[in-house]
Protein backbone atom coordinates (compact mmCIF):
# COMPACT_ATOMS: atom_id res chain seq x y z
CA UNK A 1 -13.14 57.88 110.75
CA UNK A 2 -14.09 61.38 108.97
CA UNK A 3 -14.03 61.44 105.17
CA UNK A 4 -13.93 64.28 102.93
CA UNK A 5 -16.00 64.87 99.99
CA UNK A 6 -16.76 67.03 97.09
CA UNK A 7 -19.98 68.63 95.86
CA UNK A 8 -21.62 71.49 93.81
CA UNK A 9 -23.76 73.95 94.53
CA UNK A 10 -26.60 75.00 93.12
CA UNK A 11 -24.98 77.85 91.65
CA UNK A 12 -22.03 75.40 90.16
CA UNK A 13 -19.82 76.50 93.39
CA UNK A 14 -17.34 73.63 93.90
CA UNK A 15 -17.19 73.10 97.68
CA UNK A 16 -16.74 69.92 100.19
CA UNK A 17 -18.25 67.96 103.19
CA UNK A 18 -16.95 66.07 105.80
CA UNK A 19 -19.17 63.41 107.37
CA UNK A 20 -18.40 62.03 110.56
CA UNK A 21 -19.94 60.14 113.49
CA UNK A 22 -20.62 61.55 116.77
CA UNK A 23 -19.51 60.31 119.96
CA UNK A 24 -22.66 58.32 120.25
CA UNK A 25 -22.36 57.14 116.76
CA UNK A 26 -24.93 59.35 115.05
CA UNK A 27 -24.07 60.21 111.36
CA UNK A 28 -23.78 63.95 110.23
CA UNK A 29 -21.87 66.34 108.51
CA UNK A 30 -20.52 69.90 108.00
CA UNK A 31 -20.56 71.19 104.51
CA UNK A 32 -19.57 74.90 103.31
CA UNK A 33 -15.54 74.02 102.76
CA UNK A 34 -14.15 76.25 99.46
CA UNK A 35 -10.89 73.95 99.86
CA UNK A 36 -10.08 70.39 100.69
CA UNK A 37 -7.61 71.32 103.27
CA UNK A 38 -9.57 73.11 105.02
CA UNK A 39 -12.08 70.56 105.26
CA UNK A 40 -9.19 68.15 106.21
CA UNK A 41 -7.60 69.88 108.84
CA UNK A 42 -11.15 70.57 110.29
CA UNK A 43 -12.08 66.76 110.35
CA UNK A 44 -8.59 66.38 112.24
CA UNK A 45 -9.92 68.30 114.73
CA UNK A 46 -13.42 66.65 115.20
CA UNK A 47 -11.36 63.61 115.31
CA UNK A 48 -8.78 64.69 118.19
CA UNK A 49 -11.75 66.19 120.12
CA UNK A 50 -13.59 63.07 120.02
CA UNK A 51 -10.57 61.12 121.34
CA UNK A 52 -9.97 64.05 124.03
CA UNK A 53 -13.28 63.47 125.37
CA UNK A 54 -13.99 67.52 123.75
CA UNK A 55 -15.93 66.94 121.18
CA UNK A 56 -18.86 70.15 120.49
CA UNK A 57 -21.96 69.03 119.19
CA UNK A 58 -23.15 72.03 116.27
CA UNK A 59 -26.10 71.47 118.24
CA UNK A 60 -25.12 72.24 121.89
CA UNK A 61 -24.76 75.74 121.11
CA UNK A 62 -27.47 76.90 120.31
CA UNK A 63 -29.05 77.12 123.34
CA UNK A 64 -29.40 80.63 124.41
CA UNK A 65 -28.10 82.59 126.76
CA UNK A 66 -31.26 83.11 128.27
CA UNK A 67 -31.84 79.42 128.72
CA UNK A 68 -28.46 79.08 130.49
CA UNK A 69 -28.73 82.05 132.85
CA UNK A 70 -31.83 80.29 134.31
CA UNK A 71 -30.31 76.92 134.80
CA UNK A 72 -27.13 78.52 136.58
CA UNK A 73 -29.45 80.33 138.51
CA UNK A 74 -31.08 77.48 139.81
CA UNK A 75 -27.75 75.94 140.58
CA UNK A 76 -26.48 78.55 142.82
CA UNK A 77 -27.63 76.93 145.97
CA UNK A 78 -24.08 77.53 147.68
CA UNK A 79 -24.54 81.13 148.23
CA UNK A 80 -26.36 83.14 150.35
CA UNK A 81 -29.82 84.32 149.71
CA UNK A 82 -28.42 88.30 149.44
CA UNK A 83 -25.84 87.15 146.90
CA UNK A 84 -28.58 85.28 145.85
CA UNK A 85 -30.46 88.41 144.86
CA UNK A 86 -27.05 90.46 143.80
CA UNK A 87 -27.33 87.98 141.05
CA UNK A 88 -31.24 87.71 139.86
CA UNK A 89 -30.52 91.95 139.76
CA UNK A 90 -27.65 91.33 137.56
CA UNK A 91 -29.04 88.90 135.47
CA UNK A 92 -32.30 91.11 134.73
CA UNK A 93 -30.48 94.53 134.62
CA UNK A 94 -27.16 93.91 133.21
CA UNK A 95 -26.99 90.57 131.07
CA UNK A 96 -30.28 89.32 130.06
CA UNK A 97 -31.28 92.87 128.12
CA UNK A 98 -28.64 92.14 126.14
CA UNK A 99 -27.91 88.32 125.99
CA UNK A 100 -31.23 86.56 126.59
CA UNK A 101 -31.56 85.51 122.97
CA UNK A 102 -28.31 84.90 121.81
CA UNK A 103 -27.29 81.43 121.24
CA UNK A 104 -24.22 80.87 123.39
CA UNK A 105 -22.03 80.00 120.25
CA UNK A 106 -22.60 83.13 118.73
CA UNK A 107 -21.21 84.75 121.80
CA UNK A 108 -17.81 85.90 121.12
CA UNK A 109 -14.40 88.29 122.58
CA UNK A 110 -15.14 90.53 120.29
CA UNK A 111 -19.11 91.43 121.27
CA UNK A 112 -18.91 90.84 125.04
CA UNK A 113 -15.85 93.80 124.84
CA UNK A 114 -18.67 95.95 123.11
CA UNK A 115 -21.30 94.53 125.52
CA UNK A 116 -18.63 95.57 128.50
CA UNK A 117 -18.12 99.19 126.75
CA UNK A 118 -21.65 100.71 126.42
CA UNK A 119 -22.09 98.95 130.20
CA UNK A 120 -18.92 101.36 131.28
CA UNK A 121 -20.99 104.11 129.75
CA UNK A 122 -23.73 104.29 131.96
CA UNK A 123 -23.35 101.90 134.77
CA UNK A 124 -20.28 102.02 137.84
CA UNK A 125 -17.38 99.79 137.18
CA UNK A 126 -18.18 97.75 140.48
CA UNK A 127 -21.17 97.19 138.67
CA UNK A 128 -19.14 96.08 135.12
CA UNK A 129 -17.73 94.12 137.13
CA UNK A 130 -20.42 91.84 138.96
CA UNK A 131 -22.37 92.13 135.57
CA UNK A 132 -18.82 90.85 133.30
CA UNK A 133 -18.12 87.72 136.52
CA UNK A 134 -21.57 86.67 136.70
CA UNK A 135 -21.54 86.43 133.00
CA UNK A 136 -18.33 84.35 132.71
CA UNK A 137 -19.49 82.40 135.42
CA UNK A 138 -22.65 81.40 132.98
CA UNK A 139 -20.20 80.82 129.99
CA UNK A 140 -17.76 78.86 132.25
CA UNK A 141 -20.77 76.54 132.63
CA UNK A 142 -21.47 76.32 128.93
CA UNK A 143 -17.50 75.26 128.61
CA UNK A 144 -18.25 72.32 130.84
CA UNK A 145 -21.25 71.12 129.42
CA UNK A 146 -19.43 70.79 126.03
CA UNK A 147 -21.62 73.55 124.66
CA UNK A 148 -18.74 75.77 123.31
CA UNK A 149 -14.99 75.27 123.55
CA UNK A 150 -13.71 77.83 125.53
CA UNK A 151 -14.57 80.83 127.09
CA UNK A 152 -15.04 83.78 125.51
CA UNK A 153 -15.00 86.46 128.64
CA UNK A 154 -11.19 85.33 129.86
CA UNK A 155 -9.72 88.63 128.10
CA UNK A 156 -12.36 91.44 128.15
CA UNK A 157 -11.09 94.75 129.71
CA UNK A 158 -12.35 96.36 132.61
CA UNK A 159 -13.00 99.74 133.53
CA UNK A 160 -10.18 100.48 136.39
CA UNK A 161 -12.54 100.49 140.00
CA UNK A 162 -10.84 103.09 142.51
CA UNK A 163 -11.25 101.54 145.78
CA UNK A 164 -11.99 104.79 148.50
CA UNK A 165 -9.79 105.42 151.08
CA UNK A 166 -10.83 104.23 154.50
CA UNK A 167 -12.02 106.74 156.85
CA UNK A 168 -10.27 105.58 160.28
CA UNK A 169 -12.27 107.84 163.24
CA UNK A 170 -10.20 108.77 166.18
CA UNK A 171 -11.78 107.58 169.46
CA UNK A 172 -12.68 110.79 170.29
CA UNK A 173 -14.59 111.03 166.92
CA UNK A 174 -16.22 107.60 167.79
CA UNK A 175 -17.79 109.07 171.27
CA UNK A 176 -18.85 112.29 169.48
CA UNK A 177 -20.65 109.43 166.78
CA UNK A 178 -22.08 107.69 170.02
CA UNK A 179 -23.17 110.67 171.91
CA UNK A 180 -24.96 111.89 168.94
CA UNK A 181 -26.99 108.65 167.79
CA UNK A 182 -29.65 108.83 170.84
CA UNK A 183 -30.96 105.25 170.67
CA UNK A 184 -28.06 103.75 168.62
CA UNK A 185 -25.41 104.95 171.36
CA UNK A 186 -24.58 101.43 172.08
CA UNK A 187 -24.69 100.47 168.24
CA UNK A 188 -22.08 102.35 167.63
CA UNK A 189 -19.66 102.01 170.21
CA UNK A 190 -20.55 97.86 169.65
CA UNK A 191 -19.23 98.33 165.61
CA UNK A 192 -16.56 100.69 165.72
CA UNK A 193 -15.05 98.74 169.15
CA UNK A 194 -15.60 95.15 167.75
CA UNK A 195 -15.42 95.66 164.37
CA UNK A 196 -18.51 93.55 163.52
CA UNK A 197 -20.46 93.63 160.47
CA UNK A 198 -24.04 94.98 160.03
CA UNK A 199 -25.95 91.76 159.94
CA UNK A 200 -23.53 89.89 162.96
CA UNK A 201 -24.72 92.68 165.22
CA UNK A 202 -28.21 92.98 163.98
CA UNK A 203 -28.10 88.91 164.36
CA UNK A 204 -26.50 88.80 168.23
CA UNK A 205 -29.08 87.12 170.87
CA UNK A 206 -28.66 87.62 174.60
CA UNK A 207 -27.32 84.36 174.83
CA UNK A 208 -24.28 85.02 172.39
CA UNK A 209 -23.15 87.54 175.38
CA UNK A 210 -20.16 86.15 178.07
CA UNK A 211 -20.11 89.08 180.40
CA UNK A 212 -17.55 87.10 182.22
CA UNK A 213 -15.49 86.87 179.49
CA UNK A 214 -16.51 89.67 178.06
CA UNK A 215 -16.86 88.31 174.52
CA UNK A 216 -19.27 88.32 172.39
CA UNK A 217 -20.12 85.09 170.05
CA UNK A 218 -20.48 85.54 166.47
CA UNK A 219 -22.53 82.80 165.18
CA UNK A 220 -25.50 84.24 162.78
CA UNK A 221 -26.02 87.06 160.27
CA UNK A 222 -29.09 88.79 159.22
CA UNK A 223 -29.72 89.99 155.90
CA UNK A 224 -32.64 92.34 154.37
CA UNK A 225 -33.62 90.58 151.07
CA UNK A 226 -36.69 92.74 149.40
CA UNK A 227 -37.98 94.02 152.94
CA UNK A 228 -37.56 90.20 154.52
CA UNK A 229 -34.88 89.16 156.93
CA UNK A 230 -33.46 86.43 156.12
CA UNK A 231 -30.90 84.54 158.56
CA UNK A 232 -28.07 82.96 157.96
CA UNK A 233 -23.96 82.18 158.74
CA UNK A 234 -21.77 84.64 159.27
CA UNK A 235 -20.16 85.89 155.58
CA UNK A 236 -16.71 82.92 156.12
CA UNK A 237 -19.54 80.80 157.44
CA UNK A 238 -17.60 80.00 160.63
CA UNK A 239 -18.32 81.78 164.38
CA UNK A 240 -15.75 83.69 166.20
CA UNK A 241 -15.34 85.16 169.45
CA UNK A 242 -14.66 88.91 169.95
CA UNK A 243 -12.78 90.32 173.17
CA UNK A 244 -15.24 93.90 174.63
CA UNK A 245 -13.87 96.45 176.48
CA UNK A 246 -14.25 96.58 180.33
CA UNK A 247 -16.00 99.82 179.79
CA UNK A 248 -18.15 98.58 177.20
CA UNK A 249 -18.47 94.94 178.46
CA UNK A 250 -20.56 96.94 181.56
CA UNK A 251 -22.76 99.11 178.79
CA UNK A 252 -23.50 96.10 177.00
CA UNK A 253 -25.02 93.91 180.44
CA UNK A 254 -26.58 96.90 181.76
CA UNK A 255 -28.78 97.12 178.84
CA UNK A 256 -30.02 93.32 178.78
CA UNK A 257 -31.91 93.80 181.76
CA UNK A 258 -34.34 91.07 182.66
CA UNK A 259 -34.33 89.85 178.44
CA UNK A 260 -34.19 85.93 177.89
CA UNK A 261 -31.04 84.53 175.80
CA UNK A 262 -33.16 84.16 172.46
CA UNK A 263 -33.87 88.19 172.83
CA UNK A 264 -31.69 90.41 169.98
CA UNK A 265 -29.11 91.73 172.23
CA UNK A 266 -29.59 94.74 169.72
CA UNK A 267 -33.57 95.06 169.11
CA UNK A 268 -35.18 97.63 166.55
CA UNK A 269 -36.58 100.31 168.85
CA UNK A 270 -39.89 99.10 167.75
CA UNK A 271 -38.62 95.37 168.39
CA UNK A 272 -37.68 92.82 165.71
CA UNK A 273 -34.33 92.77 163.88
CA UNK A 274 -32.57 96.57 163.49
CA UNK A 275 -32.46 97.36 159.61
CA UNK A 276 -29.18 99.18 158.12
CA UNK A 277 -31.62 101.53 155.87
CA UNK A 278 -34.50 102.49 158.59
CA UNK A 279 -31.02 103.07 161.29
CA UNK A 280 -29.48 105.44 158.18
CA UNK A 281 -32.45 106.84 158.03
CA UNK A 282 -33.41 107.83 161.51
CA UNK A 283 -30.34 108.38 163.44
CA UNK A 284 -26.73 107.33 162.28
CA UNK A 285 -26.60 109.86 159.33
CA UNK A 286 -27.74 112.68 161.34
CA UNK A 287 -25.60 111.84 164.46
CA UNK A 288 -22.30 111.30 161.87
CA UNK A 289 -23.94 115.39 160.53
CA UNK A 290 -24.01 116.85 164.14
CA UNK A 291 -20.87 115.20 165.27
CA UNK A 292 -19.24 116.41 162.77
CA UNK A 293 -17.05 114.05 161.67
CA UNK A 294 -15.95 112.38 158.13
CA UNK A 295 -19.09 110.72 156.26
CA UNK A 296 -19.18 107.59 157.38
CA UNK A 297 -21.62 104.67 157.04
CA UNK A 298 -22.34 101.82 159.69
CA UNK A 299 -20.00 99.73 158.06
CA UNK A 300 -17.02 101.37 157.49
CA UNK A 301 -16.87 101.93 161.17
CA UNK A 302 -15.30 98.44 161.08
CA UNK A 303 -11.68 100.23 159.31
CA UNK A 304 -12.08 102.48 162.47
CA UNK A 305 -12.50 98.74 164.86
CA UNK A 306 -9.21 97.49 162.88
CA UNK A 307 -7.81 101.13 163.11
CA UNK A 308 -8.04 101.62 167.19
CA UNK A 309 -6.89 97.55 167.59
CA UNK A 310 -4.00 98.01 165.62
CA UNK A 311 -3.00 101.03 167.35
CA UNK A 312 -3.67 99.59 170.41
CA UNK A 313 -0.71 97.40 169.75
CA UNK A 314 -3.29 94.22 168.19
CA UNK A 315 -1.29 92.02 165.23
CA UNK A 316 -2.20 91.46 162.19
CA UNK A 317 -3.66 87.62 162.94
CA UNK A 318 -5.72 89.27 166.37
CA UNK A 319 -7.00 91.78 163.61
CA UNK A 320 -8.16 88.84 161.34
CA UNK A 321 -9.67 87.35 163.85
CA UNK A 322 -12.07 89.95 164.87
CA UNK A 323 -13.46 91.20 161.79
CA UNK A 324 -13.66 87.77 160.64
CA UNK A 325 -11.67 88.06 157.39
CA UNK A 326 -10.97 85.03 155.32
CA UNK A 327 -6.92 85.34 155.70
CA UNK A 328 -4.55 87.23 157.24
CA UNK A 329 -3.63 87.93 153.48
CA UNK A 330 -6.80 89.70 153.16
CA UNK A 331 -6.35 91.62 156.22
CA UNK A 332 -2.91 93.10 155.37
CA UNK A 333 -4.28 93.67 151.90
CA UNK A 334 -6.90 95.88 153.42
CA UNK A 335 -4.83 97.67 156.55
CA UNK A 336 -1.15 97.27 155.27
CA UNK A 337 -0.10 100.79 156.17
CA UNK A 338 -2.10 100.73 159.49
CA UNK A 339 0.82 98.23 160.21
CA UNK A 340 3.70 100.82 159.30
CA UNK A 341 4.39 101.80 162.48
CA UNK A 342 4.98 98.11 164.15
CA UNK A 343 7.37 97.50 161.39
CA UNK A 344 9.02 100.56 162.53
CA UNK A 345 9.29 99.38 165.90
CA UNK A 346 10.75 95.97 164.84
CA UNK A 347 13.49 97.73 162.81
CA UNK A 348 14.42 100.11 165.63
CA UNK A 349 14.48 96.55 168.12
CA UNK A 350 17.14 95.21 165.49
CA UNK A 351 20.54 94.88 167.09
CA UNK A 352 22.97 97.44 166.15
CA UNK A 353 26.72 97.03 165.10
CA UNK A 354 29.37 98.28 167.64
CA UNK A 355 30.09 102.11 167.37
CA UNK A 356 33.72 103.35 167.19
CA UNK A 357 33.96 107.39 167.72
CA UNK A 358 30.80 108.18 166.13
CA UNK A 359 31.63 105.79 163.10
CA UNK A 360 30.37 102.32 162.57
CA UNK A 361 33.53 99.73 163.13
CA UNK A 362 32.56 97.81 160.03
CA UNK A 363 35.91 96.36 160.12
CA UNK A 364 36.31 95.14 162.79
CA UNK A 365 33.29 93.12 162.38
CA UNK A 366 34.67 91.53 158.96
CA UNK A 367 37.63 90.58 161.30
């Protein structure tokens, strides 16, 4: 059990010391309490923490945020290389310049809020939120390792991020964009009518195309990381089969020629993987301007694919599977407004009560 004793400082002040044993049996103490009551309360908390397995060694919190950040980064073996690269940039650009040498035990809710406020004055809300999320995960690891008792980032006030409204092109606008895309015509049509992500499209092999069933199988994705093409699974780590309109299927089949099954279905003009940044520079952004359509990125053609599918009668589960969303709830969160017409159709098909002389005969229904 912890024991409380009194001592006198060099200046003659009366103070109290708590002597106790750590869970591994080592004798240690904490001194400097100005009252016996404060010392006893602290001693009681120590005994309860030891009994509950939540004892925090004073030395455990001396490790710096920089040291913990390195351990956390090395533990991220379950994320894609592109995500790992974004974490590295967040650490180097937003977190470590402020927290590198700070002991984790000295990180407080107030200092975190001050850091967030400073970042918000210089960075976009999305960047600030990513930095806070990464820092919070580092502090979660510190809690799990019993270096701090609780995560001080839990109550941080973050800047609001206004999500831009999605851009939905009409079919006519898609065809206009494709007509001006030159070498990228088939890519534009495929993205706009299948909803694939750029990395999924760029990773497609000829063998992933089934001309009989008119299906594209998305089983891989390729991402550009520091100038290198990194291959992996799709975003949800699951493959999916996407139906293709008949007219587009004919175009895809005709484009294959005599290529082998391992060849890329949509290679770059000079061969190899088609990169988003190069495509935008070489032809996509120019095609957008020439087609005189709303400013749009290749990734935003997914919104158009969803819009075209829903307007053609697709339900939420079909759109979810086509886009590769993790859940139908996620699809509804993004495209709920596009299903309003479907809801109106459902309401219009509901049974109606009998009408007498132009008035609902509710009394008759009540009997």
